[in-house]
Amino acid sequence: MADPIDFPQQRESRDTRNEQSDHDQHKSDPNFGKHLHRINFKRGLRKAQNYIEPIIRPRLSALFGEFLGTGLLVLGGCGFSVINELYGAPIDLYGISAGWGLWVAALVFAFGDISGAHINPAVTLGFAVGGRFSWRQVPGYLGAQLAGAAAGAGLLRLLFPTAITLGQTNPQGSVGQTFGIEVAITFTLMLVVLQIATGAKEKGATAGLAVGFTVLAMVLFAGPVSMASLNPARSFGPALVAGDLTHLWIYLTAPVLGAILAVGADKLLHAPEEEPGLA
């Protein structure tokens, strides 16, 4: 027979009865005061645990989801570039664009209900600026995303030790042109995300397909010029592991600027309509 379920409320009630029994037994003890202090401390610690655990556990799951999701994003997405570098460019621009779009859509499907599938510091900051995401959670999300990107690039290095760039993003045109295009394409991505997201979560079939198709189109458009980062973490991981940070500043700042501008545009799109004045 299976053991009966031990609910937290039952457990706390049982522990309280046991502590009361100990309390009654030690009333005649000369160290009764110390004993009472110890019981109160244990009781307070248990209550704190009962309150804190339901809050912390989901956040840890979300942070791990962002770490794993961003790591897989870099591993798979940048892996297309590594394959092209090492095996005679078997994947053309259309294939890479489709690959990125499908890969991102799959990750949104997988992690949307866990962490919101941000997997992108620009998206996280955009949600925070727009008031959809708590600023207190931003440092944890950014840290998890950057660490995941570094881990994904590190795994690519282990799998393909002779690869040089690991899918690193570098300007193919001028610096100004690259910066402007990264702002524009991340603006577009964030604007789409804001329309289909539930709060600060990208989840469900609609979100996965919308984000995936947007990424596909943006890579097809901007890939030949800026290599279409759209994501500071996606550029950070390969640049760090490859040891080339020369142009990283573009891909850390331009997508964030694009995401913030998209939040402003979204506010204007959904501004409350003014009541027409009386004639």
Protein backbone atom coordinates (compact mmCIF):
# COMPACT_ATOMS: atom_id res chain seq x y z
CA MET A 1 0.00 0.00 0.00
CA ALA A 2 1.31 3.45 -0.87
CA ASP A 3 2.26 5.81 1.92
CA PRO A 4 -0.37 8.47 2.68
CA ILE A 5 0.26 11.91 1.20
CA ASP A 6 1.87 14.24 3.73
CA PHE A 7 0.61 17.74 2.95
CA PRO A 8 2.61 20.75 4.24
CA GLN A 9 -0.32 21.86 6.44
CA GLN A 10 -0.57 18.42 8.04
CA ARG A 11 3.19 18.30 8.51
CA GLU A 12 3.25 21.71 10.19
CA SER A 13 0.32 20.77 12.49
CA ARG A 14 2.02 17.52 13.50
CA ASP A 15 5.33 19.27 14.17
CA THR A 16 3.53 21.87 16.27
CA ARG A 17 1.92 19.15 18.41
CA ASN A 18 5.29 17.46 18.91
CA GLU A 19 6.88 20.74 19.89
CA GLN A 20 4.03 21.40 22.37
CA SER A 21 4.63 17.98 23.94
CA ASP A 22 8.35 18.74 24.28
CA HIS A 23 7.42 22.12 25.71
CA ASP A 24 5.27 20.52 28.45
CA GLN A 25 7.95 17.96 29.31
CA HIS A 26 10.65 20.60 29.75
CA LYS A 27 8.74 23.08 31.92
CA SER A 28 10.55 21.84 35.00
CA ASP A 29 13.94 21.94 33.27
CA PRO A 30 16.28 24.70 34.60
CA ASN A 31 17.26 25.40 30.98
CA PHE A 32 13.63 25.80 30.00
CA GLY A 33 14.22 29.31 28.59
CA LYS A 34 16.89 28.13 26.19
CA HIS A 35 14.73 25.20 25.16
CA LEU A 36 11.78 27.51 24.46
CA HIS A 37 13.99 29.81 22.40
CA ARG A 38 15.17 26.83 20.34
CA ILE A 39 11.60 25.69 19.69
CA ASN A 40 10.55 29.17 18.57
CA PHE A 41 13.57 29.40 16.28
CA LYS A 42 12.78 26.05 14.63
CA ARG A 43 9.14 27.00 14.25
CA GLY A 44 10.04 30.32 12.62
CA LEU A 45 12.54 28.64 10.32
CA ARG A 46 9.94 26.11 9.19
CA LYS A 47 7.34 28.78 8.52
CA ALA A 48 9.86 30.81 6.54
CA GLN A 49 10.69 27.72 4.49
CA ASN A 50 7.00 27.09 3.79
CA TYR A 51 6.62 30.64 2.49
CA ILE A 52 9.90 30.91 0.58
CA GLU A 53 10.04 27.50 -1.12
CA PRO A 54 6.97 28.03 -3.37
CA ILE A 55 8.52 31.33 -4.51
CA ILE A 56 12.11 30.21 -5.08
CA ARG A 57 11.50 26.85 -6.74
CA PRO A 58 9.62 28.23 -9.80
CA ARG A 59 12.26 30.96 -10.20
CA LEU A 60 15.06 28.41 -10.20
CA SER A 61 13.19 26.43 -12.85
CA ALA A 62 12.78 29.58 -14.94
CA LEU A 63 16.47 30.47 -14.63
CA PHE A 64 17.50 26.96 -15.62
CA GLY A 65 15.07 27.15 -18.52
CA GLU A 66 16.69 30.37 -19.73
CA PHE A 67 20.18 28.89 -19.30
CA LEU A 68 19.31 25.69 -21.16
CA GLY A 69 17.22 27.39 -23.83
CA THR A 70 19.89 29.98 -24.66
CA GLY A 71 22.58 27.31 -24.66
CA LEU A 72 20.61 25.23 -27.14
CA LEU A 73 19.92 28.33 -29.22
CA VAL A 74 23.64 28.94 -29.64
CA LEU A 75 24.49 25.27 -30.08
CA GLY A 76 21.99 24.71 -32.86
CA GLY A 77 21.79 28.11 -34.51
CA CYS A 78 25.49 28.85 -34.56
CA GLY A 79 26.08 25.21 -35.44
CA PHE A 80 24.76 25.94 -38.94
CA SER A 81 27.62 28.39 -39.47
CA VAL A 82 30.17 25.94 -38.09
CA ILE A 83 28.94 23.22 -40.46
CA ASN A 84 29.24 25.65 -43.36
CA GLU A 85 32.76 26.62 -42.32
CA LEU A 86 34.06 23.06 -41.97
CA TYR A 87 32.17 21.14 -44.64
CA GLY A 88 32.22 23.27 -47.77
CA ALA A 89 29.17 25.50 -47.15
CA PRO A 90 26.42 22.91 -47.79
CA ILE A 91 23.77 25.24 -46.30
CA ASP A 92 22.89 28.39 -48.24
CA LEU A 93 21.33 31.58 -46.83
CA TYR A 94 17.80 30.22 -47.30
CA GLY A 95 18.69 27.06 -45.39
CA ILE A 96 20.34 28.95 -42.56
CA SER A 97 17.38 31.33 -42.31
CA ALA A 98 14.91 28.44 -42.19
CA GLY A 99 17.09 26.60 -39.71
CA TRP A 100 17.24 29.56 -37.33
CA GLY A 101 13.49 30.11 -37.59
CA LEU A 102 12.59 26.48 -36.92
CA TRP A 103 15.12 26.23 -34.11
CA VAL A 104 13.76 29.31 -32.33
CA ALA A 105 10.16 28.15 -32.80
CA ALA A 106 11.00 24.78 -31.24
CA LEU A 107 12.63 26.47 -28.24
CA VAL A 108 9.60 28.73 -27.72
CA PHE A 109 7.38 25.63 -27.76
CA ALA A 110 9.68 23.88 -25.28
CA PHE A 111 10.39 26.65 -22.77
CA GLY A 112 7.44 29.02 -23.09
CA ASP A 113 5.56 27.66 -20.08
CA ILE A 114 8.72 27.34 -17.97
CA SER A 115 10.51 30.66 -18.28
CA GLY A 116 8.60 32.55 -20.96
CA ALA A 117 11.25 31.56 -23.53
CA HIS A 118 12.95 34.95 -23.56
CA ILE A 119 16.34 33.33 -24.38
CA ASN A 120 17.43 36.84 -25.34
CA PRO A 121 18.59 39.67 -23.04
CA ALA A 122 17.06 42.27 -25.37
CA VAL A 123 13.64 40.63 -24.99
CA THR A 124 13.99 40.41 -21.21
CA LEU A 125 14.95 44.09 -20.98
CA GLY A 126 12.14 45.01 -23.37
CA PHE A 127 9.57 43.23 -21.19
CA ALA A 128 10.98 44.96 -18.10
CA VAL A 129 10.93 48.43 -19.69
CA GLY A 130 7.36 47.77 -20.82
CA GLY A 131 6.28 46.89 -17.29
CA ARG A 132 5.53 43.25 -18.07
CA PHE A 133 8.47 41.76 -16.19
CA SER A 134 9.84 42.49 -12.72
CA TRP A 135 13.17 44.33 -12.66
CA ARG A 136 14.14 42.19 -9.67
CA GLN A 137 14.21 39.14 -11.93
CA VAL A 138 16.18 40.81 -14.72
CA PRO A 139 19.72 40.20 -13.34
CA GLY A 140 19.03 36.49 -12.89
CA TYR A 141 17.60 36.13 -16.39
CA LEU A 142 20.47 38.03 -18.00
CA GLY A 143 23.06 36.00 -16.09
CA ALA A 144 21.38 32.72 -17.04
CA GLN A 145 21.16 33.73 -20.71
CA LEU A 146 24.78 34.84 -20.98
CA ALA A 147 26.03 31.78 -19.10
CA GLY A 148 23.92 29.52 -21.31
CA ALA A 149 25.26 31.18 -24.46
CA ALA A 150 28.83 30.70 -23.27
CA ALA A 151 28.12 27.06 -22.44
CA GLY A 152 26.55 26.47 -25.86
CA ALA A 153 29.53 28.02 -27.63
CA GLY A 154 31.89 26.05 -25.40
CA LEU A 155 30.15 22.82 -26.39
CA LEU A 156 30.51 23.78 -30.06
CA ARG A 157 34.23 24.25 -29.44
CA LEU A 158 34.47 20.76 -27.93
CA LEU A 159 32.52 19.19 -30.79
CA PHE A 160 34.33 21.11 -33.55
CA PRO A 161 37.79 22.04 -32.21
CA THR A 162 39.06 23.17 -35.62
CA ALA A 163 36.26 25.71 -36.14
CA ILE A 164 37.49 29.32 -36.05
CA THR A 165 34.52 31.63 -35.58
CA LEU A 166 31.90 29.34 -33.93
CA GLY A 167 29.16 31.32 -35.64
CA GLN A 168 30.46 34.64 -34.35
CA THR A 169 28.72 37.78 -35.62
CA ASN A 170 30.83 40.42 -37.35
CA PRO A 171 29.85 43.33 -39.62
CA GLN A 172 29.84 42.44 -43.28
CA GLY A 173 29.15 46.09 -44.17
CA SER A 174 30.11 49.25 -42.30
CA VAL A 175 29.83 49.52 -38.52
CA GLY A 176 27.11 52.15 -38.81
CA GLN A 177 25.12 50.07 -41.28
CA THR A 178 25.42 46.99 -39.08
CA PHE A 179 24.34 48.89 -35.98
CA GLY A 180 21.31 50.37 -37.76
CA ILE A 181 20.21 47.03 -39.19
CA GLU A 182 20.51 45.31 -35.80
CA VAL A 183 18.36 48.03 -34.24
CA ALA A 184 15.77 47.65 -37.01
CA ILE A 185 15.50 43.85 -37.01
CA THR A 186 15.39 43.58 -33.21
CA PHE A 187 12.75 46.33 -33.17
CA THR A 188 10.68 44.19 -35.53
CA LEU A 189 11.20 41.01 -33.49
CA MET A 190 10.33 42.68 -30.19
CA LEU A 191 7.26 44.36 -31.65
CA VAL A 192 5.97 40.98 -32.85
CA VAL A 193 6.76 39.40 -29.47
CA LEU A 194 4.84 42.11 -27.62
CA GLN A 195 1.74 41.45 -29.72
CA ILE A 196 1.63 37.69 -29.16
CA ALA A 197 3.12 37.30 -25.68
CA THR A 198 0.99 36.54 -22.63
CA GLY A 199 2.38 39.01 -20.12
CA ALA A 200 6.13 38.33 -20.28
CA LYS A 201 5.77 34.81 -21.66
CA GLU A 202 6.10 33.64 -25.23
CA LYS A 203 4.16 30.39 -25.21
CA GLY A 204 1.86 28.34 -27.38
CA ALA A 205 1.74 27.45 -31.04
CA THR A 206 0.92 30.99 -32.16
CA ALA A 207 3.88 32.49 -30.32
CA GLY A 208 6.30 29.83 -31.53
CA LEU A 209 5.30 30.20 -35.17
CA ALA A 210 5.16 34.01 -35.08
CA VAL A 211 8.59 34.34 -33.47
CA GLY A 212 10.10 31.61 -35.64
CA PHE A 213 8.87 33.13 -38.90
CA THR A 214 10.03 36.59 -37.81
CA VAL A 215 13.51 35.28 -37.07
CA LEU A 216 13.55 33.46 -40.41
CA ALA A 217 12.65 36.64 -42.30
CA MET A 218 15.09 38.83 -40.37
CA VAL A 219 18.02 36.43 -40.95
CA LEU A 220 17.14 36.26 -44.65
CA PHE A 221 17.09 40.06 -44.83
CA ALA A 222 20.00 41.07 -42.57
CA GLY A 223 22.24 38.01 -42.63
CA PRO A 224 24.42 39.19 -45.55
CA VAL A 225 25.06 42.56 -43.85
CA SER A 226 25.12 42.17 -40.06
CA MET A 227 24.82 38.38 -39.75
CA ALA A 228 21.45 39.03 -38.04
CA SER A 229 22.23 38.59 -34.38
CA LEU A 230 18.95 39.92 -32.91
CA ASN A 231 20.25 38.73 -29.56
CA PRO A 232 23.15 39.93 -27.36
CA ALA A 233 23.59 36.48 -25.82
CA ARG A 234 23.75 34.78 -29.23
CA SER A 235 26.71 37.04 -30.11
CA PHE A 236 28.29 37.01 -26.65
CA GLY A 237 28.83 33.24 -26.36
CA PRO A 238 30.71 32.64 -29.63
CA ALA A 239 32.73 35.88 -29.29
CA LEU A 240 33.82 34.95 -25.77
CA VAL A 241 34.84 31.39 -26.61
CA ALA A 242 36.47 32.41 -29.91
CA GLY A 243 38.39 35.15 -28.08
CA ASP A 244 37.41 37.95 -30.45
CA LEU A 245 35.44 40.76 -28.79
CA THR A 246 36.25 43.44 -31.39
CA HIS A 247 32.74 44.12 -32.62
CA LEU A 248 30.80 42.61 -29.74
CA TRP A 249 29.72 46.05 -28.49
CA ILE A 250 27.52 46.48 -31.57
CA TYR A 251 25.61 43.29 -30.85
CA LEU A 252 25.28 44.04 -27.13
CA THR A 253 23.84 47.53 -27.59
CA ALA A 254 21.96 47.68 -30.89
CA PRO A 255 19.47 44.85 -30.14
CA VAL A 256 18.72 46.32 -26.71
CA LEU A 257 18.07 49.73 -28.27
CA GLY A 258 15.81 48.15 -30.88
CA ALA A 259 13.82 46.29 -28.21
CA ILE A 260 13.32 49.45 -26.13
CA LEU A 261 12.16 51.40 -29.18
CA ALA A 262 9.68 48.60 -29.92
CA VAL A 263 8.23 48.97 -26.42
CA GLY A 264 7.62 52.66 -27.12
CA ALA A 265 5.96 51.83 -30.44
CA ASP A 266 3.78 49.22 -28.73
CA LYS A 267 2.63 51.81 -26.17
CA LEU A 268 1.57 54.10 -29.01
CA LEU A 269 -0.20 51.29 -30.85
CA HIS A 270 -2.25 50.45 -27.77
CA ALA A 271 -2.74 53.94 -26.36
CA PRO A 272 -6.31 54.52 -25.16
CA GLU A 273 -8.42 56.40 -27.64
CA GLU A 274 -9.55 59.85 -26.61
CA GLU A 275 -13.25 60.46 -26.36
CA PRO A 276 -14.40 62.82 -29.14
CA GLY A 277 -15.36 66.23 -27.83
CA LEU A 278 -18.90 67.53 -27.95
CA ALA A 279 -19.66 69.73 -30.95
